[in-house]
């Protein structure tokens, strides 16, 4: 069994300069890094993500505009003349009394012809 060890001899000269030269030489011969294909693929991924984000923003704006148009259809037109009507509320319990409420019925003038009503302000309902 061998018990001797090889101990390297001390280097002479300037060790800091020698280490720096070795690092610069290693960097010159290093071939690791991005290739043009990798750079183009990463640019393609960023471009696709940007287009998807822009499409989502435009779609959200379109949906918002459609919902705004539908929301205005439910606003009561002050110039519309209401039709008086009576709403009867029937209880599921046969022993309970039914309720009758006087209402004003409005019909929207758009293509959907929404029908909505308000409690008649003269009678207030009973």
C-alpha atoms as a PDB file:
ATOM      1  CA  UNK A   1       0.000   0.000   0.000  1.00  0.00           C
ATOM      2  CA  UNK A   2       1.342   3.376  -1.002  1.00  0.00           C
ATOM      3  CA  UNK A   3       1.261   6.163   1.598  1.00  0.00           C
ATOM      4  CA  UNK A   4       2.985   8.979  -0.249  1.00  0.00           C
ATOM      5  CA  UNK A   5       1.091  11.914  -1.678  1.00  0.00           C
ATOM      6  CA  UNK A   6       1.915  14.057  -4.656  1.00  0.00           C
ATOM      7  CA  UNK A   7       2.093  17.671  -3.561  1.00  0.00           C
ATOM      8  CA  UNK A   8       2.244  20.150  -6.425  1.00  0.00           C
ATOM      9  CA  UNK A   9       5.194  22.488  -6.476  1.00  0.00           C
ATOM     10  CA  UNK A  10       4.436  26.152  -5.821  1.00  0.00           C
ATOM     11  CA  UNK A  11       3.969  28.234  -8.969  1.00  0.00           C
ATOM     12  CA  UNK A  12       6.209  31.105  -9.607  1.00  0.00           C
ATOM     13  CA  UNK A  13       5.186  34.367 -11.186  1.00  0.00           C
ATOM     14  CA  UNK A  14       2.060  36.423 -10.749  1.00  0.00           C
ATOM     15  CA  UNK A  15      -0.816  34.052  -9.920  1.00  0.00           C
ATOM     16  CA  UNK A  16      -3.541  36.689 -10.346  1.00  0.00           C
ATOM     17  CA  UNK A  17      -2.460  37.515 -13.891  1.00  0.00           C
ATOM     18  CA  UNK A  18      -2.091  33.866 -14.782  1.00  0.00           C
ATOM     19  CA  UNK A  19      -5.647  33.151 -13.526  1.00  0.00           C
ATOM     20  CA  UNK A  20      -7.072  36.087 -15.462  1.00  0.00           C
ATOM     21  CA  UNK A  21      -5.357  34.981 -18.667  1.00  0.00           C
ATOM     22  CA  UNK A  22      -6.698  31.494 -18.199  1.00  0.00           C
ATOM     23  CA  UNK A  23     -10.240  32.817 -17.741  1.00  0.00           C
ATOM     24  CA  UNK A  24      -9.996  35.017 -20.847  1.00  0.00           C
ATOM     25  CA  UNK A  25      -8.653  32.097 -22.874  1.00  0.00           C
ATOM     26  CA  UNK A  26     -11.502  29.907 -21.611  1.00  0.00           C
ATOM     27  CA  UNK A  27     -14.044  32.550 -22.628  1.00  0.00           C
ATOM     28  CA  UNK A  28     -12.556  32.790 -26.131  1.00  0.00           C
ATOM     29  CA  UNK A  29     -12.845  29.071 -26.705  1.00  0.00           C
ATOM     30  CA  UNK A  30     -16.254  28.740 -25.008  1.00  0.00           C
ATOM     31  CA  UNK A  31     -18.968  27.911 -27.555  1.00  0.00           C
ATOM     32  CA  UNK A  32     -21.864  27.982 -25.087  1.00  0.00           C
ATOM     33  CA  UNK A  33     -24.455  30.698 -25.641  1.00  0.00           C
ATOM     34  CA  UNK A  34     -27.566  31.468 -27.623  1.00  0.00           C
ATOM     35  CA  UNK A  35     -27.755  30.521 -31.236  1.00  0.00           C
ATOM     36  CA  UNK A  36     -29.740  32.498 -33.781  1.00  0.00           C
ATOM     37  CA  UNK A  37     -32.437  29.808 -33.754  1.00  0.00           C
ATOM     38  CA  UNK A  38     -32.868  30.092 -29.997  1.00  0.00           C
ATOM     39  CA  UNK A  39     -33.125  33.870 -30.242  1.00  0.00           C
ATOM     40  CA  UNK A  40     -35.729  33.663 -33.026  1.00  0.00           C
ATOM     41  CA  UNK A  41     -37.807  31.092 -31.134  1.00  0.00           C
ATOM     42  CA  UNK A  42     -37.807  33.250 -28.001  1.00  0.00           C
ATOM     43  CA  UNK A  43     -38.867  36.284 -30.067  1.00  0.00           C
ATOM     44  CA  UNK A  44     -41.657  34.209 -31.629  1.00  0.00           C
ATOM     45  CA  UNK A  45     -42.944  33.155 -28.202  1.00  0.00           C
ATOM     46  CA  UNK A  46     -42.965  36.758 -26.970  1.00  0.00           C
ATOM     47  CA  UNK A  47     -44.746  37.894 -30.145  1.00  0.00           C
ATOM     48  CA  UNK A  48     -47.460  35.239 -29.822  1.00  0.00           C
ATOM     49  CA  UNK A  49     -48.017  36.148 -26.161  1.00  0.00           C
ATOM     50  CA  UNK A  50     -48.308  39.840 -27.098  1.00  0.00           C
ATOM     51  CA  UNK A  51     -50.847  39.116 -29.855  1.00  0.00           C
ATOM     52  CA  UNK A  52     -52.911  36.956 -27.483  1.00  0.00           C
ATOM     53  CA  UNK A  53     -52.924  39.744 -24.880  1.00  0.00           C
ATOM     54  CA  UNK A  54     -54.027  42.331 -27.454  1.00  0.00           C
ATOM     55  CA  UNK A  55     -56.796  40.015 -28.685  1.00  0.00           C
ATOM     56  CA  UNK A  56     -58.038  39.507 -25.122  1.00  0.00           C
ATOM     57  CA  UNK A  57     -58.155  43.266 -24.531  1.00  0.00           C
ATOM     58  CA  UNK A  58     -60.122  43.905 -27.741  1.00  0.00           C
ATOM     59  CA  UNK A  59     -62.538  41.051 -26.981  1.00  0.00           C
ATOM     60  CA  UNK A  60     -63.144  42.388 -23.474  1.00  0.00           C
ATOM     61  CA  UNK A  61     -63.870  45.835 -24.884  1.00  0.00           C
ATOM     62  CA  UNK A  62     -66.375  44.390 -27.372  1.00  0.00           C
ATOM     63  CA  UNK A  63     -68.170  42.388 -24.674  1.00  0.00           C
ATOM     64  CA  UNK A  64     -68.252  45.480 -22.476  1.00  0.00           C
ATOM     65  CA  UNK A  65     -69.835  47.538 -25.268  1.00  0.00           C
ATOM     66  CA  UNK A  66     -72.509  44.886 -25.916  1.00  0.00           C
ATOM     67  CA  UNK A  67     -73.376  44.689 -22.228  1.00  0.00           C
ATOM     68  CA  UNK A  68     -73.586  48.480 -22.085  1.00  0.00           C
ATOM     69  CA  UNK A  69     -76.117  48.444 -24.928  1.00  0.00           C
ATOM     70  CA  UNK A  70     -78.218  45.779 -23.212  1.00  0.00           C
ATOM     71  CA  UNK A  71     -78.100  47.644 -19.920  1.00  0.00           C
ATOM     72  CA  UNK A  72     -79.612  50.763 -21.472  1.00  0.00           C
ATOM     73  CA  UNK A  73     -82.567  48.709 -22.749  1.00  0.00           C
ATOM     74  CA  UNK A  74     -83.745  48.294 -19.153  1.00  0.00           C
ATOM     75  CA  UNK A  75     -83.805  52.015 -18.399  1.00  0.00           C
ATOM     76  CA  UNK A  76     -87.372  53.299 -18.175  1.00  0.00           C
ATOM     77  CA  UNK A  77     -88.179  55.700 -20.984  1.00  0.00           C
ATOM     78  CA  UNK A  78     -89.781  58.763 -19.380  1.00  0.00           C
ATOM     79  CA  UNK A  79     -91.681  59.632 -22.544  1.00  0.00           C
ATOM     80  CA  UNK A  80     -93.344  56.201 -22.826  1.00  0.00           C
ATOM     81  CA  UNK A  81     -96.942  56.005 -21.670  1.00  0.00           C
ATOM     82  CA  UNK A  82     -97.521  53.186 -19.221  1.00  0.00           C
ATOM     83  CA  UNK A  83    -100.442  50.793 -19.337  1.00  0.00           C
ATOM     84  CA  UNK A  84    -102.174  50.200 -16.035  1.00  0.00           C
ATOM     85  CA  UNK A  85    -102.351  46.567 -14.969  1.00  0.00           C
ATOM     86  CA  UNK A  86    -103.008  44.434 -11.931  1.00  0.00           C
ATOM     87  CA  UNK A  87    -100.509  41.816 -10.691  1.00  0.00           C
ATOM     88  CA  UNK A  88    -101.830  39.029  -8.517  1.00  0.00           C
ATOM     89  CA  UNK A  89     -99.427  37.196  -6.222  1.00  0.00           C
ATOM     90  CA  UNK A  90    -100.676  33.713  -5.424  1.00  0.00           C
ATOM     91  CA  UNK A  91     -99.392  31.948  -2.327  1.00  0.00           C
ATOM     92  CA  UNK A  92     -98.471  28.275  -2.345  1.00  0.00           C
ATOM     93  CA  UNK A  93    -100.430  27.859   0.894  1.00  0.00           C
ATOM     94  CA  UNK A  94    -104.161  27.643   0.009  1.00  0.00           C
ATOM     95  CA  UNK A  95    -105.125  29.139   3.402  1.00  0.00           C
ATOM     96  CA  UNK A  96    -103.101  32.348   2.779  1.00  0.00           C
ATOM     97  CA  UNK A  97    -104.613  35.368   1.071  1.00  0.00           C
ATOM     98  CA  UNK A  98    -103.522  36.375  -2.410  1.00  0.00           C
ATOM     99  CA  UNK A  99    -102.114  39.880  -2.941  1.00  0.00           C
ATOM    100  CA  UNK A 100    -103.077  42.272  -5.731  1.00  0.00           C
ATOM    101  CA  UNK A 101    -100.716  45.073  -6.756  1.00  0.00           C
ATOM    102  CA  UNK A 102    -101.464  47.875  -9.207  1.00  0.00           C
ATOM    103  CA  UNK A 103     -98.548  48.339 -11.611  1.00  0.00           C
ATOM    104  CA  UNK A 104     -97.605  50.432 -14.623  1.00  0.00           C
ATOM    105  CA  UNK A 105     -96.449  48.235 -17.533  1.00  0.00           C
ATOM    106  CA  UNK A 106     -93.880  49.537 -20.025  1.00  0.00           C
ATOM    107  CA  UNK A 107     -92.707  47.961 -23.268  1.00  0.00           C
ATOM    108  CA  UNK A 108     -89.313  48.876 -24.712  1.00  0.00           C
ATOM    109  CA  UNK A 109     -89.291  50.374 -28.205  1.00  0.00           C
ATOM    110  CA  UNK A 110     -86.260  48.396 -29.417  1.00  0.00           C
ATOM    111  CA  UNK A 111     -86.270  45.141 -31.381  1.00  0.00           C
ATOM    112  CA  UNK A 112     -86.300  43.032 -28.187  1.00  0.00           C
ATOM    113  CA  UNK A 113     -89.613  44.428 -26.855  1.00  0.00           C
ATOM    114  CA  UNK A 114     -88.708  44.040 -23.210  1.00  0.00           C
ATOM    115  CA  UNK A 115     -91.670  44.263 -20.853  1.00  0.00           C
ATOM    116  CA  UNK A 116     -91.076  45.716 -17.417  1.00  0.00           C
ATOM    117  CA  UNK A 117     -93.264  47.269 -14.759  1.00  0.00           C
ATOM    118  CA  UNK A 118     -93.159  49.551 -11.744  1.00  0.00           C
ATOM    119  CA  UNK A 119     -95.517  49.725  -8.790  1.00  0.00           C
ATOM    120  CA  UNK A 120     -98.195  52.300  -9.493  1.00  0.00           C
ATOM    121  CA  UNK A 121     -97.279  55.398  -7.520  1.00  0.00           C
ATOM    122  CA  UNK A 122    -100.961  56.397  -7.089  1.00  0.00           C
ATOM    123  CA  UNK A 123    -102.067  53.258  -5.239  1.00  0.00           C
ATOM    124  CA  UNK A 124     -98.704  52.056  -3.866  1.00  0.00           C
ATOM    125  CA  UNK A 125     -99.912  48.462  -3.944  1.00  0.00           C
ATOM    126  CA  UNK A 126    -101.738  46.590  -1.218  1.00  0.00           C
END
